[in-house]
Amino acid sequence: MSEYIFVYGTLKRDGCNHYLLEDCEFVGRGRACGCALIDFGGYPGMIPASIDGNQASVIGEVYSVPQVHWRPLRARLDMLEKAYQDYLPVKILVHVGGRVRECLTYLYMATVGAGNSVTGGDWGVPPLVGETFPIANGGP
């Protein structure tokens, strides 16, 4: 049995924190409806949203997490995302590969402030070759 996770920022395949998903299997690109992305420069935050009365959506990646790796991965992600401070871990429905999967993701809950809305809901990973955000320092 596997759990699923939906990622939309630095955890994506070309992102500087993707190494945290090394024990996970890529399922496909997915769409989370009812959410929008805010770009903070080096990382995004996903928030619940609608645009002009229509549901906004976020494009990201879905990964299958073997049960044996679920708790250790969840602990590392909670540290990375500063769970319950900046980001709230929640289960959402994501459309991926013609199916709907329940996935863990992290909603941004701190003040949006200086962030910019990401048009189309697909955050491009900036070229951060060699740069990572160590968990010990609580990166984005």
C-alpha atoms as a PDB file:
ATOM      1  CA  MET A   1       0.000   0.000   0.000  1.00  0.00           C
ATOM      2  CA  SER A   2       1.264   3.462  -0.889  1.00  0.00           C
ATOM      3  CA  GLU A   3       0.483   7.007   0.084  1.00  0.00           C
ATOM      4  CA  TYR A   4       0.557   9.864  -2.435  1.00  0.00           C
ATOM      5  CA  ILE A   5       2.103  13.308  -2.248  1.00  0.00           C
ATOM      6  CA  PHE A   6       1.490  16.339  -4.494  1.00  0.00           C
ATOM      7  CA  VAL A   7       4.444  18.711  -4.927  1.00  0.00           C
ATOM      8  CA  TYR A   8       4.453  22.036  -6.745  1.00  0.00           C
ATOM      9  CA  GLY A   9       7.740  23.807  -5.996  1.00  0.00           C
ATOM     10  CA  THR A  10      11.297  22.972  -4.977  1.00  0.00           C
ATOM     11  CA  LEU A  11      10.382  19.288  -4.500  1.00  0.00           C
ATOM     12  CA  LYS A  12       9.587  18.871  -8.214  1.00  0.00           C
ATOM     13  CA  ARG A  13      11.954  16.827 -10.402  1.00  0.00           C
ATOM     14  CA  ASP A  14      14.299  19.705 -11.255  1.00  0.00           C
ATOM     15  CA  GLY A  15      13.966  21.361  -7.861  1.00  0.00           C
ATOM     16  CA  CYS A  16      16.713  21.790  -5.314  1.00  0.00           C
ATOM     17  CA  ASN A  17      14.848  19.712  -2.715  1.00  0.00           C
ATOM     18  CA  HIS A  18      13.802  16.847  -4.978  1.00  0.00           C
ATOM     19  CA  TYR A  19      16.437  14.613  -3.377  1.00  0.00           C
ATOM     20  CA  LEU A  20      14.008  14.184  -0.458  1.00  0.00           C
ATOM     21  CA  LEU A  21      11.755  12.135  -2.775  1.00  0.00           C
ATOM     22  CA  GLU A  22      14.464   9.640  -3.783  1.00  0.00           C
ATOM     23  CA  ASP A  23      12.475   6.703  -2.357  1.00  0.00           C
ATOM     24  CA  CYS A  24       9.271   7.741  -4.142  1.00  0.00           C
ATOM     25  CA  GLU A  25       7.893   6.796  -7.547  1.00  0.00           C
ATOM     26  CA  PHE A  26       6.808   9.501  -9.992  1.00  0.00           C
ATOM     27  CA  VAL A  27       3.138   8.946 -10.902  1.00  0.00           C
ATOM     28  CA  GLY A  28       2.636  11.932 -13.227  1.00  0.00           C
ATOM     29  CA  ARG A  29       1.850  15.597 -13.538  1.00  0.00           C
ATOM     30  CA  GLY A  30      -1.305  16.485 -11.684  1.00  0.00           C
ATOM     31  CA  ARG A  31      -3.803  19.298 -11.196  1.00  0.00           C
ATOM     32  CA  ALA A  32      -5.165  20.432  -7.833  1.00  0.00           C
ATOM     33  CA  CYS A  33      -8.359  22.470  -8.250  1.00  0.00           C
ATOM     34  CA  GLY A  34      -9.457  25.241  -5.912  1.00  0.00           C
ATOM     35  CA  CYS A  35      -5.898  26.437  -5.257  1.00  0.00           C
ATOM     36  CA  ALA A  36      -3.508  29.073  -6.575  1.00  0.00           C
ATOM     37  CA  LEU A  37       0.252  29.586  -6.324  1.00  0.00           C
ATOM     38  CA  ILE A  38       2.108  32.556  -4.916  1.00  0.00           C
ATOM     39  CA  ASP A  39       5.743  33.001  -6.010  1.00  0.00           C
ATOM     40  CA  PHE A  40       8.119  34.169  -3.291  1.00  0.00           C
ATOM     41  CA  GLY A  41      11.196  34.105  -5.525  1.00  0.00           C
ATOM     42  CA  GLY A  42      13.048  30.920  -4.600  1.00  0.00           C
ATOM     43  CA  TYR A  43       9.926  28.948  -3.676  1.00  0.00           C
ATOM     44  CA  PRO A  44       6.120  29.045  -4.077  1.00  0.00           C
ATOM     45  CA  GLY A  45       3.227  28.699  -1.668  1.00  0.00           C
ATOM     46  CA  MET A  46      -0.145  27.140  -2.522  1.00  0.00           C
ATOM     47  CA  ILE A  47      -3.277  28.775  -1.133  1.00  0.00           C
ATOM     48  CA  PRO A  48      -7.008  28.005  -1.472  1.00  0.00           C
ATOM     49  CA  ALA A  49      -8.392  30.289  -4.194  1.00  0.00           C
ATOM     50  CA  SER A  50     -10.844  31.001  -6.963  1.00  0.00           C
ATOM     51  CA  ILE A  51     -10.422  33.457  -9.826  1.00  0.00           C
ATOM     52  CA  ASP A  52     -13.454  35.493 -10.916  1.00  0.00           C
ATOM     53  CA  GLY A  53     -15.766  32.901  -9.355  1.00  0.00           C
ATOM     54  CA  ASN A  54     -14.056  30.016 -11.174  1.00  0.00           C
ATOM     55  CA  GLN A  55     -11.861  27.534  -9.386  1.00  0.00           C
ATOM     56  CA  ALA A  56      -8.171  28.233  -9.838  1.00  0.00           C
ATOM     57  CA  SER A  57      -5.817  25.268 -10.117  1.00  0.00           C
ATOM     58  CA  VAL A  58      -2.206  24.337  -9.464  1.00  0.00           C
ATOM     59  CA  ILE A  59      -0.075  22.093 -11.668  1.00  0.00           C
ATOM     60  CA  GLY A  60       2.445  19.891  -9.911  1.00  0.00           C
ATOM     61  CA  GLU A  61       3.765  16.355  -9.648  1.00  0.00           C
ATOM     62  CA  VAL A  62       2.319  13.333  -7.879  1.00  0.00           C
ATOM     63  CA  TYR A  63       4.534  10.720  -6.239  1.00  0.00           C
ATOM     64  CA  SER A  64       3.716   7.351  -4.748  1.00  0.00           C
ATOM     65  CA  VAL A  65       5.363   6.812  -1.366  1.00  0.00           C
ATOM     66  CA  PRO A  66       5.837   3.229  -0.154  1.00  0.00           C
ATOM     67  CA  GLN A  67       4.335   2.769   3.311  1.00  0.00           C
ATOM     68  CA  VAL A  68       7.741   1.870   4.766  1.00  0.00           C
ATOM     69  CA  HIS A  69       9.081   5.338   3.773  1.00  0.00           C
ATOM     70  CA  TRP A  70       5.961   7.354   4.674  1.00  0.00           C
ATOM     71  CA  ARG A  71       6.771   8.350   8.276  1.00  0.00           C
ATOM     72  CA  PRO A  72      10.440   9.263   7.688  1.00  0.00           C
ATOM     73  CA  LEU A  73       9.539  11.268   4.562  1.00  0.00           C
ATOM     74  CA  ARG A  74       6.679  13.018   6.322  1.00  0.00           C
ATOM     75  CA  ALA A  75       8.991  14.028   9.181  1.00  0.00           C
ATOM     76  CA  ARG A  76      11.585  15.449   6.737  1.00  0.00           C
ATOM     77  CA  LEU A  77       8.919  17.329   4.760  1.00  0.00           C
ATOM     78  CA  ASP A  78       7.333  18.744   7.903  1.00  0.00           C
ATOM     79  CA  MET A  79      10.748  20.123   8.892  1.00  0.00           C
ATOM     80  CA  LEU A  80      11.411  21.511   5.409  1.00  0.00           C
ATOM     81  CA  GLU A  81       8.020  23.179   5.127  1.00  0.00           C
ATOM     82  CA  LYS A  82       8.000  24.400   8.739  1.00  0.00           C
ATOM     83  CA  ALA A  83       4.731  22.539   9.206  1.00  0.00           C
ATOM     84  CA  TYR A  84       2.134  24.330  11.319  1.00  0.00           C
ATOM     85  CA  GLN A  85       4.161  27.563  11.135  1.00  0.00           C
ATOM     86  CA  ASP A  86       4.427  28.489   7.446  1.00  0.00           C
ATOM     87  CA  TYR A  87       2.730  25.519   5.768  1.00  0.00           C
ATOM     88  CA  LEU A  88      -0.165  23.287   6.777  1.00  0.00           C
ATOM     89  CA  PRO A  89      -0.040  19.617   5.710  1.00  0.00           C
ATOM     90  CA  VAL A  90      -3.428  18.653   4.242  1.00  0.00           C
ATOM     91  CA  LYS A  91      -4.960  15.923   2.083  1.00  0.00           C
ATOM     92  CA  ILE A  92      -6.409  17.151  -1.213  1.00  0.00           C
ATOM     93  CA  LEU A  93      -7.820  15.549  -4.365  1.00  0.00           C
ATOM     94  CA  VAL A  94      -5.521  15.722  -7.393  1.00  0.00           C
ATOM     95  CA  HIS A  95      -6.319  14.807 -10.998  1.00  0.00           C
ATOM     96  CA  VAL A  96      -3.454  12.703 -12.390  1.00  0.00           C
ATOM     97  CA  GLY A  97      -3.331  10.235 -15.285  1.00  0.00           C
ATOM     98  CA  GLY A  98      -7.110  10.183 -15.775  1.00  0.00           C
ATOM     99  CA  ARG A  99      -7.715   9.377 -12.082  1.00  0.00           C
ATOM    100  CA  VAL A 100      -8.326  11.322  -8.918  1.00  0.00           C
ATOM    101  CA  ARG A 101      -5.910  10.584  -6.083  1.00  0.00           C
ATOM    102  CA  GLU A 102      -5.983  11.754  -2.490  1.00  0.00           C
ATOM    103  CA  CYS A 103      -2.577  13.326  -1.873  1.00  0.00           C
ATOM    104  CA  LEU A 104      -0.751  14.974   0.967  1.00  0.00           C
ATOM    105  CA  THR A 105       0.384  18.489   0.145  1.00  0.00           C
ATOM    106  CA  TYR A 106       1.333  21.637   2.025  1.00  0.00           C
ATOM    107  CA  LEU A 107      -0.824  24.796   1.955  1.00  0.00           C
ATOM    108  CA  TYR A 108       0.873  28.106   2.633  1.00  0.00           C
ATOM    109  CA  MET A 109      -0.587  29.698   5.756  1.00  0.00           C
ATOM    110  CA  ALA A 110       1.785  32.554   6.576  1.00  0.00           C
ATOM    111  CA  THR A 111       1.162  36.113   5.398  1.00  0.00           C
ATOM    112  CA  VAL A 112       1.302  36.314   1.598  1.00  0.00           C
ATOM    113  CA  GLY A 113       2.733  39.854   1.642  1.00  0.00           C
ATOM    114  CA  ALA A 114       5.219  40.401  -1.194  1.00  0.00           C
ATOM    115  CA  GLY A 115       4.478  37.248  -3.216  1.00  0.00           C
ATOM    116  CA  ASN A 116       3.280  37.357  -6.822  1.00  0.00           C
ATOM    117  CA  SER A 117       0.507  35.205  -8.234  1.00  0.00           C
ATOM    118  CA  VAL A 118       1.718  32.433 -10.601  1.00  0.00           C
ATOM    119  CA  THR A 119      -0.256  32.670 -13.843  1.00  0.00           C
ATOM    120  CA  GLY A 120      -1.535  29.272 -14.928  1.00  0.00           C
ATOM    121  CA  GLY A 121      -0.650  27.663 -11.591  1.00  0.00           C
ATOM    122  CA  ASP A 122       2.571  26.016 -12.807  1.00  0.00           C
ATOM    123  CA  TRP A 123       5.654  27.241 -10.961  1.00  0.00           C
ATOM    124  CA  GLY A 124       8.820  26.922 -13.026  1.00  0.00           C
ATOM    125  CA  VAL A 125      11.749  25.701 -11.019  1.00  0.00           C
ATOM    126  CA  PRO A 126      14.511  28.324 -11.163  1.00  0.00           C
ATOM    127  CA  PRO A 127      17.997  27.115 -12.113  1.00  0.00           C
ATOM    128  CA  LEU A 128      19.545  26.620  -8.689  1.00  0.00           C
ATOM    129  CA  VAL A 129      22.390  24.352  -9.721  1.00  0.00           C
ATOM    130  CA  GLY A 130      24.180  23.086  -6.654  1.00  0.00           C
ATOM    131  CA  GLU A 131      22.008  25.103  -4.264  1.00  0.00           C
ATOM    132  CA  THR A 132      19.878  23.303  -1.680  1.00  0.00           C
ATOM    133  CA  PHE A 133      17.933  24.337   1.361  1.00  0.00           C
ATOM    134  CA  PRO A 134      19.143  22.097   4.187  1.00  0.00           C
ATOM    135  CA  ILE A 135      16.403  20.816   6.455  1.00  0.00           C
ATOM    136  CA  ALA A 136      18.421  21.756   9.526  1.00  0.00           C
ATOM    137  CA  ASN A 137      18.122  25.397   8.484  1.00  0.00           C
ATOM    138  CA  GLY A 138      14.373  25.074   7.784  1.00  0.00           C
ATOM    139  CA  GLY A 139      14.498  26.012   4.082  1.00  0.00           C
ATOM    140  CA  PRO A 140      11.379  26.650   1.988  1.00  0.00           C
END
